[in-house]
Amino acid sequence: MAYLTRLQANDDAKTEALRALGALLFGIGALVLLVRRGTLDNPWDDLPLLVAWLIPAVVLYGGGIAAARAGEPRSWHSVWVVFGILFVYGTLLQFLTVIDASTDAPLNTVWTLCVVAAAAILAATFARVRFGWLVAGVALAIAWLSLWDEILENGVSDDAGTFRGLCMIAALLLVAGAWLLENRRGDGEEALELVTAAGLIFLLGAGIVSLAGVLESVFATGVPTDTGFAGPSLFWDVVLLGGSLALIGAGSIVSSRGTIYVGAIGILIFVALVGGDLDDDSPAGKVIGWPLILIALAAVAIVASVLVSRSDRPAVASRPKAE
């Protein structure tokens, strides 16, 4: 540990960039090797492949954690740790292959992603890699959906409403986790990473499912129509718009680019769904409906801002009259 402390004592921008580049090149090289020896002719056996996954996981994740614990937080620590988490997950999947377990089984997905979330939380807590909270939030949300895929008789993909509801619950749980994190640790930046993860799972349920349903019909028939499974509806259009605006607003207030980006993607999906008349609940091709509603709400917001600004303006003291 003392050696790592001395090694990082005089780090500058060039040194940090080179160490981050080294991690990226090492990780990419390991992935290329694993693809070649795992899928092409004469692939390695399962056990050597497990070792090939494990080595970069230990080097990148373990090395990043150790370096972060030995000195001040550096940008290259995050690169090492986050890339290492990818290899941690790959190692877990390869372990399932070694023991002849199914990598597609929902319960195996649950426990492997919970391990990934634990590794990410460990990195965020002890190595001060803030991005770990985002990785943990996404991993836990997918584990949540996989758990219900096992519990429900026909899985979560059988009914779009059930899938969307589970996504909304996951998003709310992550927001609650962000609130607890901010109150316990007093670090709003870390909590915002969980809010960004909540925004991603919200976007999946409120918007991407609808868009995927439409794209499915395009590939099947060449026409963007409601597939009957996950077609857009007025209710989910409102939820998508409201949630996206909330994410952008929250990100603007606290200067969080992650939530702003997620909210902006939600707005783009909303425009694609509603602007393309893919929602049967509104008059197709008409100004009456969403265009008129949005413009009216914009006018109300602008007028309200003017009124609030005037009400907050301090009163001008009147001049005394000359005698």
C-alpha atoms as a PDB file:
ATOM      1  CA  MET A   1       0.000   0.000   0.000  1.00  0.00           C
ATOM      2  CA  ALA A   2       2.843   2.384   0.809  1.00  0.00           C
ATOM      3  CA  TYR A   3       4.340   1.708  -2.627  1.00  0.00           C
ATOM      4  CA  LEU A   4       1.042   2.620  -4.324  1.00  0.00           C
ATOM      5  CA  THR A   5       0.887   5.820  -2.275  1.00  0.00           C
ATOM      6  CA  ARG A   6       4.387   6.853  -3.392  1.00  0.00           C
ATOM      7  CA  LEU A   7       3.633   5.830  -6.970  1.00  0.00           C
ATOM      8  CA  GLN A   8       0.694   8.247  -7.185  1.00  0.00           C
ATOM      9  CA  ALA A   9       2.223  11.077  -5.184  1.00  0.00           C
ATOM     10  CA  ASN A  10       3.362  13.079  -8.220  1.00  0.00           C
ATOM     11  CA  ASP A  11       0.613  12.173 -10.660  1.00  0.00           C
ATOM     12  CA  ASP A  12      -0.202  14.823 -13.245  1.00  0.00           C
ATOM     13  CA  ALA A  13      -2.683  14.953 -16.115  1.00  0.00           C
ATOM     14  CA  LYS A  14      -0.370  13.083 -18.514  1.00  0.00           C
ATOM     15  CA  THR A  15       0.336  10.315 -16.011  1.00  0.00           C
ATOM     16  CA  GLU A  16      -3.365   9.837 -15.260  1.00  0.00           C
ATOM     17  CA  ALA A  17      -4.211   9.762 -18.973  1.00  0.00           C
ATOM     18  CA  LEU A  18      -1.540   7.116 -19.639  1.00  0.00           C
ATOM     19  CA  ARG A  19      -2.760   4.931 -16.782  1.00  0.00           C
ATOM     20  CA  ALA A  20      -6.349   5.193 -17.986  1.00  0.00           C
ATOM     21  CA  LEU A  21      -5.203   4.399 -21.532  1.00  0.00           C
ATOM     22  CA  GLY A  22      -3.260   1.404 -20.254  1.00  0.00           C
ATOM     23  CA  ALA A  23      -6.357   0.021 -18.548  1.00  0.00           C
ATOM     24  CA  LEU A  24      -8.448   0.499 -21.672  1.00  0.00           C
ATOM     25  CA  LEU A  25      -5.900  -1.183 -23.937  1.00  0.00           C
ATOM     26  CA  PHE A  26      -5.384  -4.058 -21.505  1.00  0.00           C
ATOM     27  CA  GLY A  27      -9.137  -4.594 -21.150  1.00  0.00           C
ATOM     28  CA  ILE A  28      -9.772  -4.384 -24.891  1.00  0.00           C
ATOM     29  CA  GLY A  29      -6.924  -6.796 -25.561  1.00  0.00           C
ATOM     30  CA  ALA A  30      -8.315  -9.245 -23.008  1.00  0.00           C
ATOM     31  CA  LEU A  31     -11.778  -9.028 -24.571  1.00  0.00           C
ATOM     32  CA  VAL A  32     -10.373  -9.647 -28.059  1.00  0.00           C
ATOM     33  CA  LEU A  33      -8.513 -12.697 -26.739  1.00  0.00           C
ATOM     34  CA  LEU A  34     -11.644 -14.018 -25.028  1.00  0.00           C
ATOM     35  CA  VAL A  35     -13.750 -13.591 -28.165  1.00  0.00           C
ATOM     36  CA  ARG A  36     -11.167 -15.374 -30.305  1.00  0.00           C
ATOM     37  CA  ARG A  37     -10.502 -18.254 -27.945  1.00  0.00           C
ATOM     38  CA  GLY A  38     -14.102 -18.571 -26.828  1.00  0.00           C
ATOM     39  CA  THR A  39     -15.964 -18.576 -30.137  1.00  0.00           C
ATOM     40  CA  LEU A  40     -13.652 -19.344 -33.065  1.00  0.00           C
ATOM     41  CA  ASP A  41     -12.125 -22.646 -34.175  1.00  0.00           C
ATOM     42  CA  ASN A  42     -10.474 -24.760 -31.477  1.00  0.00           C
ATOM     43  CA  PRO A  43     -11.792 -22.735 -28.527  1.00  0.00           C
ATOM     44  CA  TRP A  44     -10.286 -23.092 -25.087  1.00  0.00           C
ATOM     45  CA  ASP A  45     -11.965 -25.298 -22.514  1.00  0.00           C
ATOM     46  CA  ASP A  46     -14.289 -23.716 -19.978  1.00  0.00           C
ATOM     47  CA  LEU A  47     -11.769 -23.645 -17.128  1.00  0.00           C
ATOM     48  CA  PRO A  48      -8.975 -21.830 -19.036  1.00  0.00           C
ATOM     49  CA  LEU A  49     -11.594 -19.322 -20.213  1.00  0.00           C
ATOM     50  CA  LEU A  50     -12.619 -18.774 -16.586  1.00  0.00           C
ATOM     51  CA  VAL A  51      -8.986 -17.985 -15.710  1.00  0.00           C
ATOM     52  CA  ALA A  52      -8.780 -15.659 -18.722  1.00  0.00           C
ATOM     53  CA  TRP A  53     -11.795 -13.726 -17.400  1.00  0.00           C
ATOM     54  CA  LEU A  54     -10.563 -13.740 -13.815  1.00  0.00           C
ATOM     55  CA  ILE A  55      -7.079 -12.298 -14.449  1.00  0.00           C
ATOM     56  CA  PRO A  56      -8.222  -8.936 -15.911  1.00  0.00           C
ATOM     57  CA  ALA A  57     -10.981  -8.780 -13.277  1.00  0.00           C
ATOM     58  CA  VAL A  58      -8.380  -9.008 -10.510  1.00  0.00           C
ATOM     59  CA  VAL A  59      -5.896  -6.686 -12.213  1.00  0.00           C
ATOM     60  CA  LEU A  60      -8.358  -3.933 -13.161  1.00  0.00           C
ATOM     61  CA  TYR A  61     -10.935  -4.098 -10.384  1.00  0.00           C
ATOM     62  CA  GLY A  62      -8.533  -5.110  -7.615  1.00  0.00           C
ATOM     63  CA  GLY A  63      -5.788  -2.798  -8.833  1.00  0.00           C
ATOM     64  CA  GLY A  64      -8.171   0.155  -9.122  1.00  0.00           C
ATOM     65  CA  ILE A  65      -9.559  -0.420  -5.633  1.00  0.00           C
ATOM     66  CA  ALA A  66      -6.081  -0.751  -4.115  1.00  0.00           C
ATOM     67  CA  ALA A  67      -4.796   2.367  -5.864  1.00  0.00           C
ATOM     68  CA  ALA A  68      -7.825   4.391  -4.809  1.00  0.00           C
ATOM     69  CA  ARG A  69      -7.435   3.293  -1.191  1.00  0.00           C
ATOM     70  CA  ALA A  70      -3.761   4.271  -1.227  1.00  0.00           C
ATOM     71  CA  GLY A  71      -4.149   7.848  -2.442  1.00  0.00           C
ATOM     72  CA  GLU A  72      -6.456  10.657  -3.416  1.00  0.00           C
ATOM     73  CA  PRO A  73      -9.258   9.868  -5.895  1.00  0.00           C
ATOM     74  CA  ARG A  74      -8.014  10.003  -9.471  1.00  0.00           C
ATOM     75  CA  SER A  75      -9.895   9.782 -12.736  1.00  0.00           C
ATOM     76  CA  TRP A  76      -7.953   6.709 -13.821  1.00  0.00           C
ATOM     77  CA  HIS A  77      -9.150   4.810 -10.744  1.00  0.00           C
ATOM     78  CA  SER A  78     -12.689   4.942 -12.124  1.00  0.00           C
ATOM     79  CA  VAL A  79     -11.573   3.651 -15.521  1.00  0.00           C
ATOM     80  CA  TRP A  80      -9.789   0.678 -13.947  1.00  0.00           C
ATOM     81  CA  VAL A  81     -12.599  -0.187 -11.538  1.00  0.00           C
ATOM     82  CA  VAL A  82     -15.523   0.192 -13.956  1.00  0.00           C
ATOM     83  CA  PHE A  83     -13.778  -1.807 -16.692  1.00  0.00           C
ATOM     84  CA  GLY A  84     -12.872  -4.351 -14.031  1.00  0.00           C
ATOM     85  CA  ILE A  85     -16.526  -4.724 -13.024  1.00  0.00           C
ATOM     86  CA  LEU A  86     -17.270  -5.784 -16.607  1.00  0.00           C
ATOM     87  CA  PHE A  87     -14.748  -8.604 -16.220  1.00  0.00           C
ATOM     88  CA  VAL A  88     -16.187  -9.497 -12.805  1.00  0.00           C
ATOM     89  CA  TYR A  89     -19.547 -10.087 -14.479  1.00  0.00           C
ATOM     90  CA  GLY A  90     -17.934 -12.053 -17.300  1.00  0.00           C
ATOM     91  CA  THR A  91     -16.127 -14.188 -14.727  1.00  0.00           C
ATOM     92  CA  LEU A  92     -19.419 -14.988 -12.986  1.00  0.00           C
ATOM     93  CA  LEU A  93     -21.065 -15.999 -16.261  1.00  0.00           C
ATOM     94  CA  GLN A  94     -18.099 -18.185 -17.180  1.00  0.00           C
ATOM     95  CA  PHE A  95     -18.268 -19.777 -13.732  1.00  0.00           C
ATOM     96  CA  LEU A  96     -21.867 -20.765 -14.491  1.00  0.00           C
ATOM     97  CA  THR A  97     -20.649 -22.380 -17.698  1.00  0.00           C
ATOM     98  CA  VAL A  98     -17.946 -24.299 -15.829  1.00  0.00           C
ATOM     99  CA  ILE A  99     -20.480 -25.796 -13.411  1.00  0.00           C
ATOM    100  CA  ASP A 100     -22.913 -26.531 -16.289  1.00  0.00           C
ATOM    101  CA  ALA A 101     -25.514 -24.022 -15.067  1.00  0.00           C
ATOM    102  CA  SER A 102     -27.672 -21.969 -17.399  1.00  0.00           C
ATOM    103  CA  THR A 103     -26.591 -18.374 -17.906  1.00  0.00           C
ATOM    104  CA  ASP A 104     -30.127 -17.551 -19.076  1.00  0.00           C
ATOM    105  CA  ALA A 105     -31.898 -18.811 -15.937  1.00  0.00           C
ATOM    106  CA  PRO A 106     -33.579 -15.839 -14.182  1.00  0.00           C
ATOM    107  CA  LEU A 107     -32.320 -16.774 -10.715  1.00  0.00           C
ATOM    108  CA  ASN A 108     -28.751 -17.043 -11.992  1.00  0.00           C
ATOM    109  CA  THR A 109     -29.160 -13.590 -13.514  1.00  0.00           C
ATOM    110  CA  VAL A 110     -30.420 -12.333 -10.146  1.00  0.00           C
ATOM    111  CA  TRP A 111     -27.490 -13.531  -8.051  1.00  0.00           C
ATOM    112  CA  THR A 112     -24.778 -12.643 -10.575  1.00  0.00           C
ATOM    113  CA  LEU A 113     -26.107  -9.098 -10.932  1.00  0.00           C
ATOM    114  CA  CYS A 114     -26.398  -8.787  -7.152  1.00  0.00           C
ATOM    115  CA  VAL A 115     -22.707  -9.679  -6.922  1.00  0.00           C
ATOM    116  CA  VAL A 116     -21.951  -7.048  -9.585  1.00  0.00           C
ATOM    117  CA  ALA A 117     -23.991  -4.499  -7.619  1.00  0.00           C
ATOM    118  CA  ALA A 118     -22.095  -5.387  -4.434  1.00  0.00           C
ATOM    119  CA  ALA A 119     -18.767  -4.948  -6.255  1.00  0.00           C
ATOM    120  CA  ALA A 120     -19.913  -1.584  -7.611  1.00  0.00           C
ATOM    121  CA  ILE A 121     -21.101  -0.395  -4.174  1.00  0.00           C
ATOM    122  CA  LEU A 122     -17.791  -1.532  -2.677  1.00  0.00           C
ATOM    123  CA  ALA A 123     -15.950   0.526  -5.279  1.00  0.00           C
ATOM    124  CA  ALA A 124     -18.164   3.565  -4.640  1.00  0.00           C
ATOM    125  CA  THR A 125     -17.856   3.300  -0.859  1.00  0.00           C
ATOM    126  CA  PHE A 126     -14.221   2.371  -0.316  1.00  0.00           C
ATOM    127  CA  ALA A 127     -12.573   3.550  -3.538  1.00  0.00           C
ATOM    128  CA  ARG A 128     -14.719   6.682  -3.987  1.00  0.00           C
ATOM    129  CA  VAL A 129     -15.660   5.707  -7.530  1.00  0.00           C
ATOM    130  CA  ARG A 130     -18.949   7.606  -7.754  1.00  0.00           C
ATOM    131  CA  PHE A 131     -19.953   5.897 -11.007  1.00  0.00           C
ATOM    132  CA  GLY A 132     -20.241   2.666  -9.019  1.00  0.00           C
ATOM    133  CA  TRP A 133     -23.624   3.782  -7.673  1.00  0.00           C
ATOM    134  CA  LEU A 134     -24.960   4.057 -11.229  1.00  0.00           C
ATOM    135  CA  VAL A 135     -23.663   0.574 -12.097  1.00  0.00           C
ATOM    136  CA  ALA A 136     -25.129  -0.819  -8.885  1.00  0.00           C
ATOM    137  CA  GLY A 137     -28.503   0.806  -9.520  1.00  0.00           C
ATOM    138  CA  VAL A 138     -28.786  -0.563 -13.059  1.00  0.00           C
ATOM    139  CA  ALA A 139     -27.634  -4.035 -11.960  1.00  0.00           C
ATOM    140  CA  LEU A 140     -30.150  -4.150  -9.108  1.00  0.00           C
ATOM    141  CA  ALA A 141     -32.982  -2.973 -11.371  1.00  0.00           C
ATOM    142  CA  ILE A 142     -32.274  -5.742 -13.895  1.00  0.00           C
ATOM    143  CA  ALA A 143     -31.973  -8.259 -11.051  1.00  0.00           C
ATOM    144  CA  TRP A 144     -35.396  -7.085  -9.815  1.00  0.00           C
ATOM    145  CA  LEU A 145     -36.959  -7.724 -13.226  1.00  0.00           C
ATOM    146  CA  SER A 146     -35.235 -11.114 -13.472  1.00  0.00           C
ATOM    147  CA  LEU A 147     -36.570 -12.095 -10.055  1.00  0.00           C
ATOM    148  CA  TRP A 148     -40.119 -11.410 -11.181  1.00  0.00           C
ATOM    149  CA  ASP A 149     -39.414 -13.215 -14.428  1.00  0.00           C
ATOM    150  CA  GLU A 150     -38.885 -16.288 -12.246  1.00  0.00           C
ATOM    151  CA  ILE A 151     -41.863 -15.610  -9.952  1.00  0.00           C
ATOM    152  CA  LEU A 152     -44.498 -14.897 -12.614  1.00  0.00           C
ATOM    153  CA  GLU A 153     -45.840 -17.933 -14.406  1.00  0.00           C
ATOM    154  CA  ASN A 154     -45.329 -16.515 -17.894  1.00  0.00           C
ATOM    155  CA  GLY A 155     -42.449 -14.177 -17.077  1.00  0.00           C
ATOM    156  CA  VAL A 156     -42.310 -10.393 -17.186  1.00  0.00           C
ATOM    157  CA  SER A 157     -42.431 -10.222 -20.983  1.00  0.00           C
ATOM    158  CA  ASP A 158     -45.911 -11.743 -21.186  1.00  0.00           C
ATOM    159  CA  ASP A 159     -47.721  -8.502 -20.351  1.00  0.00           C
ATOM    160  CA  ALA A 160     -46.480  -4.994 -21.099  1.00  0.00           C
ATOM    161  CA  GLY A 161     -48.488  -3.458 -18.268  1.00  0.00           C
ATOM    162  CA  THR A 162     -46.880  -5.757 -15.708  1.00  0.00           C
ATOM    163  CA  PHE A 163     -43.413  -5.057 -17.089  1.00  0.00           C
ATOM    164  CA  ARG A 164     -43.998  -1.309 -17.028  1.00  0.00           C
ATOM    165  CA  GLY A 165     -45.334  -1.435 -13.482  1.00  0.00           C
ATOM    166  CA  LEU A 166     -42.297  -3.378 -12.271  1.00  0.00           C
ATOM    167  CA  CYS A 167     -40.022  -0.828 -13.945  1.00  0.00           C
ATOM    168  CA  MET A 168     -41.820   2.015 -12.165  1.00  0.00           C
ATOM    169  CA  ILE A 169     -41.495   0.233  -8.806  1.00  0.00           C
ATOM    170  CA  ALA A 170     -37.781  -0.324  -9.431  1.00  0.00           C
ATOM    171  CA  ALA A 171     -37.345   3.360 -10.293  1.00  0.00           C
ATOM    172  CA  LEU A 172     -39.127   4.431  -7.096  1.00  0.00           C
ATOM    173  CA  LEU A 173     -37.012   2.048  -5.006  1.00  0.00           C
ATOM    174  CA  LEU A 174     -33.840   3.505  -6.499  1.00  0.00           C
ATOM    175  CA  VAL A 175     -35.031   7.052  -5.793  1.00  0.00           C
ATOM    176  CA  ALA A 176     -35.733   5.991  -2.199  1.00  0.00           C
ATOM    177  CA  GLY A 177     -32.229   4.519  -2.048  1.00  0.00           C
ATOM    178  CA  ALA A 178     -30.799   7.802  -3.340  1.00  0.00           C
ATOM    179  CA  TRP A 179     -32.662   9.697  -0.625  1.00  0.00           C
ATOM    180  CA  LEU A 180     -31.302   7.367   2.063  1.00  0.00           C
ATOM    181  CA  LEU A 181     -27.793   7.642   0.642  1.00  0.00           C
ATOM    182  CA  GLU A 182     -27.910  11.425   0.633  1.00  0.00           C
ATOM    183  CA  ASN A 183     -29.203  11.541   4.198  1.00  0.00           C
ATOM    184  CA  ARG A 184     -26.752   8.977   5.599  1.00  0.00           C
ATOM    185  CA  ARG A 185     -23.593  10.034   3.761  1.00  0.00           C
ATOM    186  CA  GLY A 186     -24.480  13.640   2.975  1.00  0.00           C
ATOM    187  CA  ASP A 187     -23.128  13.251  -0.567  1.00  0.00           C
ATOM    188  CA  GLY A 188     -25.650  14.495  -3.102  1.00  0.00           C
ATOM    189  CA  GLU A 189     -23.406  13.644  -6.066  1.00  0.00           C
ATOM    190  CA  GLU A 190     -23.378   9.947  -5.181  1.00  0.00           C
ATOM    191  CA  ALA A 191     -27.154   9.967  -4.668  1.00  0.00           C
ATOM    192  CA  LEU A 192     -27.607  11.505  -8.113  1.00  0.00           C
ATOM    193  CA  GLU A 193     -25.980   8.457  -9.696  1.00  0.00           C
ATOM    194  CA  LEU A 194     -28.785   6.329  -8.242  1.00  0.00           C
ATOM    195  CA  VAL A 195     -31.325   8.865  -9.528  1.00  0.00           C
ATOM    196  CA  THR A 196     -29.793   8.503 -13.001  1.00  0.00           C
ATOM    197  CA  ALA A 197     -30.141   4.710 -12.713  1.00  0.00           C
ATOM    198  CA  ALA A 198     -33.771   5.231 -11.672  1.00  0.00           C
ATOM    199  CA  GLY A 199     -34.248   7.433 -14.720  1.00  0.00           C
ATOM    200  CA  LEU A 200     -32.903   4.719 -17.011  1.00  0.00           C
ATOM    201  CA  ILE A 201     -35.246   2.035 -15.684  1.00  0.00           C
ATOM    202  CA  PHE A 202     -38.119   4.546 -15.766  1.00  0.00           C
ATOM    203  CA  LEU A 203     -37.303   5.297 -19.397  1.00  0.00           C
ATOM    204  CA  LEU A 204     -37.299   1.581 -20.186  1.00  0.00           C
ATOM    205  CA  GLY A 205     -40.802   1.075 -18.829  1.00  0.00           C
ATOM    206  CA  ALA A 206     -42.434   4.344 -19.830  1.00  0.00           C
ATOM    207  CA  GLY A 207     -40.942   4.907 -23.271  1.00  0.00           C
ATOM    208  CA  ILE A 208     -38.609   2.294 -24.701  1.00  0.00           C
ATOM    209  CA  VAL A 209     -41.206  -0.478 -24.352  1.00  0.00           C
ATOM    210  CA  SER A 210     -43.674   1.555 -26.416  1.00  0.00           C
ATOM    211  CA  LEU A 211     -41.043   2.411 -29.000  1.00  0.00           C
ATOM    212  CA  ALA A 212     -39.918  -1.220 -29.195  1.00  0.00           C
ATOM    213  CA  GLY A 213     -43.511  -2.309 -29.799  1.00  0.00           C
ATOM    214  CA  VAL A 214     -43.809   0.132 -32.690  1.00  0.00           C
ATOM    215  CA  LEU A 215     -40.452  -0.895 -34.179  1.00  0.00           C
ATOM    216  CA  GLU A 216     -41.519  -4.534 -33.952  1.00  0.00           C
ATOM    217  CA  SER A 217     -44.517  -3.758 -36.143  1.00  0.00           C
ATOM    218  CA  VAL A 218     -42.307  -1.853 -38.607  1.00  0.00           C
ATOM    219  CA  PHE A 219     -39.974  -4.829 -39.050  1.00  0.00           C
ATOM    220  CA  ALA A 220     -42.921  -7.234 -39.292  1.00  0.00           C
ATOM    221  CA  THR A 221     -45.255  -5.304 -41.622  1.00  0.00           C
ATOM    222  CA  GLY A 222     -43.363  -2.203 -42.704  1.00  0.00           C
ATOM    223  CA  VAL A 223     -46.020  -0.027 -41.064  1.00  0.00           C
ATOM    224  CA  PRO A 224     -45.705   1.635 -37.610  1.00  0.00           C
ATOM    225  CA  THR A 225     -48.819   0.324 -35.882  1.00  0.00           C
ATOM    226  CA  ASP A 226     -49.889  -0.718 -32.385  1.00  0.00           C
ATOM    227  CA  THR A 227     -48.814  -4.324 -31.856  1.00  0.00           C
ATOM    228  CA  GLY A 228     -51.318  -4.846 -29.052  1.00  0.00           C
ATOM    229  CA  PHE A 229     -48.546  -5.774 -26.614  1.00  0.00           C
ATOM    230  CA  ALA A 230     -46.687  -2.578 -25.897  1.00  0.00           C
ATOM    231  CA  GLY A 231     -48.216   0.080 -28.075  1.00  0.00           C
ATOM    232  CA  PRO A 232     -48.140   3.700 -26.886  1.00  0.00           C
ATOM    233  CA  SER A 233     -51.130   5.030 -24.950  1.00  0.00           C
ATOM    234  CA  LEU A 234     -52.224   8.394 -23.597  1.00  0.00           C
ATOM    235  CA  PHE A 235     -51.476   7.397 -20.002  1.00  0.00           C
ATOM    236  CA  TRP A 236     -47.911   6.268 -20.684  1.00  0.00           C
ATOM    237  CA  ASP A 237     -47.327   9.278 -22.935  1.00  0.00           C
ATOM    238  CA  VAL A 238     -48.204  11.524 -19.982  1.00  0.00           C
ATOM    239  CA  VAL A 239     -46.018   9.480 -17.614  1.00  0.00           C
ATOM    240  CA  LEU A 240     -43.098   9.585 -20.070  1.00  0.00           C
ATOM    241  CA  LEU A 241     -43.391  13.341 -20.584  1.00  0.00           C
ATOM    242  CA  GLY A 242     -43.812  14.150 -16.898  1.00  0.00           C
ATOM    243  CA  GLY A 243     -40.954  11.900 -15.776  1.00  0.00           C
ATOM    244  CA  SER A 244     -38.602  13.185 -18.484  1.00  0.00           C
ATOM    245  CA  LEU A 245     -39.312  16.809 -17.585  1.00  0.00           C
ATOM    246  CA  ALA A 246     -38.778  15.991 -13.895  1.00  0.00           C
ATOM    247  CA  LEU A 247     -35.398  14.422 -14.679  1.00  0.00           C
ATOM    248  CA  ILE A 248     -34.303  17.428 -16.726  1.00  0.00           C
ATOM    249  CA  GLY A 249     -35.552  19.833 -14.071  1.00  0.00           C
ATOM    250  CA  ALA A 250     -33.830  17.982 -11.240  1.00  0.00           C
ATOM    251  CA  GLY A 251     -30.612  17.719 -13.223  1.00  0.00           C
ATOM    252  CA  SER A 252     -30.672  21.441 -14.023  1.00  0.00           C
ATOM    253  CA  ILE A 253     -31.193  22.405 -10.389  1.00  0.00           C
ATOM    254  CA  VAL A 254     -28.344  20.283  -9.036  1.00  0.00           C
ATOM    255  CA  SER A 255     -26.138  20.396 -12.175  1.00  0.00           C
ATOM    256  CA  SER A 256     -26.309  16.658 -12.892  1.00  0.00           C
ATOM    257  CA  ARG A 257     -25.596  15.878 -16.534  1.00  0.00           C
ATOM    258  CA  GLY A 258     -26.603  12.212 -16.210  1.00  0.00           C
ATOM    259  CA  THR A 259     -30.230  12.911 -15.282  1.00  0.00           C
ATOM    260  CA  ILE A 260     -30.436  15.646 -17.927  1.00  0.00           C
ATOM    261  CA  TYR A 261     -29.218  13.248 -20.631  1.00  0.00           C
ATOM    262  CA  VAL A 262     -31.703  10.555 -19.588  1.00  0.00           C
ATOM    263  CA  GLY A 263     -34.540  13.088 -19.505  1.00  0.00           C
ATOM    264  CA  ALA A 264     -33.556  14.400 -22.932  1.00  0.00           C
ATOM    265  CA  ILE A 265     -33.671  10.878 -24.372  1.00  0.00           C
ATOM    266  CA  GLY A 266     -37.140  10.492 -22.854  1.00  0.00           C
ATOM    267  CA  ILE A 267     -38.278  13.703 -24.566  1.00  0.00           C
ATOM    268  CA  LEU A 268     -36.953  12.437 -27.904  1.00  0.00           C
ATOM    269  CA  ILE A 269     -38.865   9.167 -27.495  1.00  0.00           C
ATOM    270  CA  PHE A 270     -42.001  11.132 -26.555  1.00  0.00           C
ATOM    271  CA  VAL A 271     -41.675  13.302 -29.670  1.00  0.00           C
ATOM    272  CA  ALA A 272     -41.179  10.209 -31.846  1.00  0.00           C
ATOM    273  CA  LEU A 273     -44.255   8.470 -30.403  1.00  0.00           C
ATOM    274  CA  VAL A 274     -46.614  11.442 -30.222  1.00  0.00           C
ATOM    275  CA  GLY A 275     -45.293  13.397 -33.201  1.00  0.00           C
ATOM    276  CA  GLY A 276     -45.545  10.298 -35.361  1.00  0.00           C
ATOM    277  CA  ASP A 277     -49.235   9.813 -34.421  1.00  0.00           C
ATOM    278  CA  LEU A 278     -48.435   6.388 -33.007  1.00  0.00           C
ATOM    279  CA  ASP A 279     -50.821   6.918 -30.103  1.00  0.00           C
ATOM    280  CA  ASP A 280     -54.385   5.972 -31.049  1.00  0.00           C
ATOM    281  CA  ASP A 281     -55.758   8.003 -28.121  1.00  0.00           C
ATOM    282  CA  SER A 282     -55.178  11.304 -29.910  1.00  0.00           C
ATOM    283  CA  PRO A 283     -56.547  12.556 -33.284  1.00  0.00           C
ATOM    284  CA  ALA A 284     -54.123  11.532 -36.000  1.00  0.00           C
ATOM    285  CA  GLY A 285     -52.458  14.382 -37.860  1.00  0.00           C
ATOM    286  CA  LYS A 286     -54.452  17.059 -36.028  1.00  0.00           C
ATOM    287  CA  VAL A 287     -53.318  20.225 -34.305  1.00  0.00           C
ATOM    288  CA  ILE A 288     -55.929  19.585 -31.626  1.00  0.00           C
ATOM    289  CA  GLY A 289     -54.413  17.229 -29.089  1.00  0.00           C
ATOM    290  CA  TRP A 290     -50.822  17.090 -27.953  1.00  0.00           C
ATOM    291  CA  PRO A 291     -49.481  20.027 -30.044  1.00  0.00           C
ATOM    292  CA  LEU A 292     -52.162  22.406 -28.746  1.00  0.00           C
ATOM    293  CA  ILE A 293     -51.886  21.112 -25.167  1.00  0.00           C
ATOM    294  CA  LEU A 294     -48.107  21.519 -25.083  1.00  0.00           C
ATOM    295  CA  ILE A 295     -48.185  25.024 -26.558  1.00  0.00           C
ATOM    296  CA  ALA A 296     -50.911  26.061 -24.096  1.00  0.00           C
ATOM    297  CA  LEU A 297     -48.944  24.682 -21.152  1.00  0.00           C
ATOM    298  CA  ALA A 298     -45.854  26.519 -22.393  1.00  0.00           C
ATOM    299  CA  ALA A 299     -47.789  29.794 -22.466  1.00  0.00           C
ATOM    300  CA  VAL A 300     -49.099  29.195 -18.939  1.00  0.00           C
ATOM    301  CA  ALA A 301     -45.575  28.485 -17.659  1.00  0.00           C
ATOM    302  CA  ILE A 302     -44.150  31.633 -19.258  1.00  0.00           C
ATOM    303  CA  VAL A 303     -46.961  33.843 -17.923  1.00  0.00           C
ATOM    304  CA  ALA A 304     -46.579  32.285 -14.470  1.00  0.00           C
ATOM    305  CA  SER A 305     -42.840  33.017 -14.514  1.00  0.00           C
ATOM    306  CA  VAL A 306     -43.537  36.681 -15.270  1.00  0.00           C
ATOM    307  CA  LEU A 307     -46.119  36.944 -12.472  1.00  0.00           C
ATOM    308  CA  VAL A 308     -43.826  35.254  -9.955  1.00  0.00           C
ATOM    309  CA  SER A 309     -40.952  37.507 -10.981  1.00  0.00           C
ATOM    310  CA  ARG A 310     -43.093  40.625 -10.410  1.00  0.00           C
ATOM    311  CA  SER A 311     -44.376  39.397  -7.052  1.00  0.00           C
ATOM    312  CA  ASP A 312     -40.821  38.745  -5.834  1.00  0.00           C
ATOM    313  CA  ARG A 313     -39.585  42.177  -6.926  1.00  0.00           C
ATOM    314  CA  PRO A 314     -38.991  44.482  -3.949  1.00  0.00           C
ATOM    315  CA  ALA A 315     -41.315  47.438  -3.741  1.00  0.00           C
ATOM    316  CA  VAL A 316     -39.823  50.804  -4.727  1.00  0.00           C
ATOM    317  CA  ALA A 317     -39.928  53.280  -1.887  1.00  0.00           C
ATOM    318  CA  SER A 318     -41.918  56.366  -2.744  1.00  0.00           C
ATOM    319  CA  ARG A 319     -40.108  59.677  -2.720  1.00  0.00           C
ATOM    320  CA  PRO A 320     -41.145  62.207  -0.083  1.00  0.00           C
ATOM    321  CA  LYS A 321     -43.056  65.126  -1.459  1.00  0.00           C
ATOM    322  CA  ALA A 322     -41.256  68.467  -1.513  1.00  0.00           C
ATOM    323  CA  GLU A 323     -42.658  70.994   0.972  1.00  0.00           C
END
